[in-house]
N, C-alpha and C. Protein backbone atom coordinates (compact mmCIF):
# COMPACT_ATOMS: atom_id res chain seq x y z
N UNK A 1 0.84 -1.18 0.00
CA UNK A 1 0.00 0.00 0.00
C UNK A 1 0.89 1.25 0.00
N UNK A 2 0.63 2.17 -0.89
CA UNK A 2 1.42 3.39 -1.01
C UNK A 2 1.04 4.38 0.09
N UNK A 3 2.02 5.08 0.59
CA UNK A 3 1.79 6.08 1.63
C UNK A 3 1.43 7.42 1.00
N UNK A 4 0.52 8.15 1.63
CA UNK A 4 0.16 9.49 1.16
C UNK A 4 1.08 10.55 1.76
N UNK A 5 1.98 10.13 2.62
CA UNK A 5 2.88 11.08 3.28
C UNK A 5 3.81 11.72 2.25
N UNK A 6 3.97 13.02 2.36
CA UNK A 6 4.84 13.76 1.46
C UNK A 6 6.05 14.27 2.23
N UNK A 7 7.13 14.48 1.50
CA UNK A 7 8.35 15.02 2.07
C UNK A 7 8.75 16.24 1.26
N UNK A 8 9.50 17.12 1.88
CA UNK A 8 9.82 18.40 1.25
C UNK A 8 11.29 18.76 1.43
N UNK A 9 11.84 19.34 0.38
CA UNK A 9 13.11 20.05 0.47
C UNK A 9 12.69 21.50 0.60
N UNK A 10 13.26 22.21 1.57
CA UNK A 10 12.85 23.60 1.79
C UNK A 10 14.07 24.50 1.91
N UNK A 11 13.84 25.78 1.63
CA UNK A 11 14.89 26.78 1.72
C UNK A 11 14.36 27.94 2.57
N UNK A 12 15.13 28.31 3.59
CA UNK A 12 14.77 29.43 4.45
C UNK A 12 15.68 30.62 4.16
N UNK A 13 15.11 31.80 4.22
CA UNK A 13 15.89 33.03 4.15
C UNK A 13 16.16 33.45 5.58
N UNK A 14 17.42 33.72 5.89
CA UNK A 14 17.81 34.10 7.25
C UNK A 14 18.03 35.60 7.35
N UNK A 15 18.06 36.12 8.58
CA UNK A 15 18.21 37.56 8.83
C UNK A 15 19.41 38.17 8.13
N UNK A 16 20.48 37.43 8.04
CA UNK A 16 21.71 37.95 7.42
C UNK A 16 21.72 37.74 5.91
N UNK A 17 20.56 37.41 5.35
CA UNK A 17 20.38 37.20 3.92
C UNK A 17 21.02 35.90 3.42
N UNK A 18 21.40 35.02 4.33
CA UNK A 18 21.91 33.71 3.94
C UNK A 18 20.74 32.76 3.73
N UNK A 19 21.02 31.62 3.14
CA UNK A 19 20.00 30.61 2.89
C UNK A 19 20.30 29.36 3.70
N UNK A 20 19.26 28.72 4.19
CA UNK A 20 19.39 27.43 4.87
C UNK A 20 18.49 26.44 4.14
N UNK A 21 19.01 25.27 3.84
CA UNK A 21 18.26 24.24 3.14
C UNK A 21 18.16 22.99 3.99
N UNK A 22 16.98 22.38 4.00
CA UNK A 22 16.77 21.16 4.75
C UNK A 22 15.68 20.32 4.12
N UNK A 23 15.30 19.24 4.80
CA UNK A 23 14.18 18.41 4.35
C UNK A 23 13.33 18.05 5.56
N UNK A 24 12.06 17.81 5.31
CA UNK A 24 11.12 17.51 6.39
C UNK A 24 9.84 16.94 5.81
N UNK A 25 8.94 16.51 6.67
CA UNK A 25 7.61 16.10 6.22
C UNK A 25 6.56 17.15 6.60
N UNK A 26 7.00 18.24 7.27
CA UNK A 26 6.09 19.33 7.66
C UNK A 26 6.89 20.64 7.68
N UNK A 27 6.83 21.38 6.59
CA UNK A 27 7.67 22.57 6.44
C UNK A 27 7.34 23.64 7.48
N UNK A 28 6.06 23.93 7.69
CA UNK A 28 5.69 24.98 8.65
C UNK A 28 6.14 24.63 10.06
N UNK A 29 5.94 23.40 10.47
CA UNK A 29 6.36 22.96 11.81
C UNK A 29 7.89 23.05 11.94
N UNK A 30 8.60 22.64 10.91
CA UNK A 30 10.07 22.69 10.96
C UNK A 30 10.56 24.13 11.00
N UNK A 31 9.91 25.02 10.23
CA UNK A 31 10.26 26.44 10.25
C UNK A 31 10.09 26.99 11.67
N UNK A 32 8.98 26.67 12.30
CA UNK A 32 8.72 27.14 13.66
C UNK A 32 9.78 26.61 14.63
N UNK A 33 10.23 25.39 14.42
CA UNK A 33 11.29 24.81 15.24
C UNK A 33 12.58 25.60 15.07
N UNK A 34 12.91 25.94 13.83
CA UNK A 34 14.12 26.74 13.56
C UNK A 34 14.00 28.12 14.22
N UNK A 35 12.86 28.77 14.07
CA UNK A 35 12.65 30.12 14.62
C UNK A 35 12.77 30.10 16.15
N UNK A 36 12.30 29.04 16.77
CA UNK A 36 12.34 28.94 18.24
C UNK A 36 13.75 28.69 18.78
N UNK A 37 14.71 28.40 17.87
CA UNK A 37 16.07 28.13 18.30
C UNK A 37 16.32 26.67 18.59
N UNK A 38 15.34 25.82 18.31
CA UNK A 38 15.47 24.38 18.57
C UNK A 38 15.85 23.59 17.32
N UNK A 39 16.05 24.26 16.20
CA UNK A 39 16.36 23.57 14.95
C UNK A 39 17.85 23.34 14.80
N UNK A 40 18.31 23.42 13.59
CA UNK A 40 19.71 23.16 13.27
C UNK A 40 20.65 24.19 13.91
N UNK A 41 21.87 23.79 14.13
CA UNK A 41 22.88 24.68 14.71
C UNK A 41 23.00 25.96 13.87
N UNK A 42 22.97 25.81 12.54
CA UNK A 42 23.11 26.97 11.65
C UNK A 42 22.01 28.00 11.91
N UNK A 43 20.77 27.54 12.05
CA UNK A 43 19.66 28.49 12.22
C UNK A 43 19.59 29.07 13.64
N UNK A 44 20.35 28.52 14.55
CA UNK A 44 20.45 29.15 15.87
C UNK A 44 21.31 30.39 15.78
N UNK A 45 22.29 30.38 14.89
CA UNK A 45 23.20 31.52 14.71
C UNK A 45 22.73 32.47 13.60
N UNK A 46 21.89 31.97 12.70
CA UNK A 46 21.39 32.75 11.56
C UNK A 46 19.87 32.63 11.56
N UNK A 47 19.22 33.51 12.31
CA UNK A 47 17.78 33.38 12.53
C UNK A 47 16.99 33.42 11.21
N UNK A 48 16.17 32.40 10.95
CA UNK A 48 15.35 32.39 9.75
C UNK A 48 14.20 33.38 9.86
N UNK A 49 13.90 34.04 8.74
CA UNK A 49 12.81 35.02 8.74
C UNK A 49 11.63 34.60 7.88
N UNK A 50 11.89 33.74 6.87
CA UNK A 50 10.75 33.26 6.08
C UNK A 50 11.13 32.01 5.29
N UNK A 51 10.09 31.28 4.92
CA UNK A 51 10.25 30.12 4.04
C UNK A 51 10.32 30.69 2.62
N UNK A 52 11.45 30.52 1.99
CA UNK A 52 11.65 31.06 0.66
C UNK A 52 11.13 30.12 -0.42
N UNK A 53 11.25 28.81 -0.18
CA UNK A 53 10.90 27.83 -1.21
C UNK A 53 10.67 26.48 -0.57
N UNK A 54 9.77 25.71 -1.16
CA UNK A 54 9.60 24.31 -0.77
C UNK A 54 9.20 23.51 -2.00
N UNK A 55 9.69 22.29 -2.04
CA UNK A 55 9.40 21.40 -3.16
C UNK A 55 8.99 20.05 -2.60
N UNK A 56 7.91 19.51 -3.11
CA UNK A 56 7.33 18.27 -2.60
C UNK A 56 7.90 17.04 -3.31
N UNK A 57 8.09 15.97 -2.52
CA UNK A 57 8.58 14.70 -3.05
C UNK A 57 7.76 13.56 -2.44
N UNK A 58 7.75 12.45 -3.12
CA UNK A 58 6.97 11.28 -2.68
C UNK A 58 7.66 10.49 -1.58
N UNK A 59 9.01 10.58 -1.54
CA UNK A 59 9.75 9.79 -0.55
C UNK A 59 10.77 10.66 0.18
N UNK A 60 11.12 10.20 1.36
CA UNK A 60 12.15 10.88 2.14
C UNK A 60 13.47 10.88 1.38
N UNK A 61 13.78 9.78 0.74
CA UNK A 61 15.03 9.67 -0.02
C UNK A 61 15.10 10.74 -1.12
N UNK A 62 14.02 10.94 -1.84
CA UNK A 62 13.99 11.96 -2.90
C UNK A 62 14.22 13.36 -2.33
N UNK A 63 13.58 13.66 -1.21
CA UNK A 63 13.74 14.98 -0.58
C UNK A 63 15.17 15.17 -0.08
N UNK A 64 15.74 14.13 0.52
CA UNK A 64 17.12 14.21 1.00
C UNK A 64 18.09 14.38 -0.16
N UNK A 65 17.85 13.69 -1.23
CA UNK A 65 18.70 13.78 -2.41
C UNK A 65 18.62 15.19 -3.02
N UNK A 66 17.41 15.74 -3.10
CA UNK A 66 17.24 17.09 -3.62
C UNK A 66 17.98 18.10 -2.75
N UNK A 67 17.88 17.94 -1.42
CA UNK A 67 18.60 18.82 -0.50
C UNK A 67 20.11 18.72 -0.74
N UNK A 68 20.62 17.53 -0.84
CA UNK A 68 22.04 17.29 -1.05
C UNK A 68 22.53 17.99 -2.32
N UNK A 69 21.82 17.80 -3.40
CA UNK A 69 22.24 18.39 -4.68
C UNK A 69 22.08 19.91 -4.69
N UNK A 70 21.02 20.40 -4.06
CA UNK A 70 20.79 21.85 -3.99
C UNK A 70 21.93 22.54 -3.24
N UNK A 71 22.38 21.94 -2.16
CA UNK A 71 23.43 22.53 -1.34
C UNK A 71 24.77 22.65 -2.07
N UNK A 72 24.95 21.90 -3.13
CA UNK A 72 26.20 21.95 -3.89
C UNK A 72 26.32 23.19 -4.78
N UNK A 73 25.22 23.90 -4.96
CA UNK A 73 25.20 25.06 -5.85
C UNK A 73 25.61 26.34 -5.12
N UNK A 74 26.02 27.35 -5.90
CA UNK A 74 26.32 28.66 -5.33
C UNK A 74 25.00 29.33 -4.94
N UNK A 75 25.09 30.37 -4.15
CA UNK A 75 23.88 31.09 -3.75
C UNK A 75 23.15 31.62 -4.98
N UNK A 76 23.89 32.16 -5.93
CA UNK A 76 23.29 32.68 -7.16
C UNK A 76 22.54 31.58 -7.91
N UNK A 77 23.14 30.41 -8.02
CA UNK A 77 22.49 29.28 -8.69
C UNK A 77 21.24 28.84 -7.94
N UNK A 78 21.30 28.86 -6.61
CA UNK A 78 20.14 28.50 -5.79
C UNK A 78 18.99 29.46 -6.02
N UNK A 79 19.29 30.76 -6.04
CA UNK A 79 18.24 31.76 -6.26
C UNK A 79 17.64 31.64 -7.65
N UNK A 80 18.45 31.33 -8.63
CA UNK A 80 17.95 31.12 -10.00
C UNK A 80 17.03 29.91 -10.02
N UNK A 81 17.43 28.82 -9.38
CA UNK A 81 16.61 27.61 -9.31
C UNK A 81 15.26 27.93 -8.68
N UNK A 82 15.28 28.65 -7.57
CA UNK A 82 14.04 29.00 -6.87
C UNK A 82 13.13 29.83 -7.78
N UNK A 83 13.72 30.83 -8.44
CA UNK A 83 12.94 31.68 -9.35
C UNK A 83 12.31 30.85 -10.46
N UNK A 84 13.07 29.93 -11.01
CA UNK A 84 12.58 29.12 -12.14
C UNK A 84 11.56 28.07 -11.74
N UNK A 85 11.57 27.65 -10.48
CA UNK A 85 10.68 26.58 -10.02
C UNK A 85 9.55 27.07 -9.12
N UNK A 86 9.53 28.34 -8.82
CA UNK A 86 8.49 28.90 -7.94
C UNK A 86 7.12 28.75 -8.60
N UNK A 87 6.15 28.31 -7.85
CA UNK A 87 4.78 28.19 -8.36
C UNK A 87 4.20 29.57 -8.63
N UNK A 88 3.47 29.67 -9.72
CA UNK A 88 2.86 30.97 -10.06
C UNK A 88 1.49 31.08 -9.45
């Protein structure tokens, strides 16, 4: 039986204009965790201000793989990707 659970690769914009990328099954809940200071070490030092982008995947593996590949790009390439894939 196939699961209806979805996974997401997400990108947060931080106060210092840096980007943070991660994966989760609940983007809003994870964002709130980062904002509260309970998330990743990076977001404790670079407070996130908004969810810049999220992309849905059918499996955790796909979301993790997307995160891994996204992180390999420069900031400029990441912003271009987001612009090109943003839902209208």
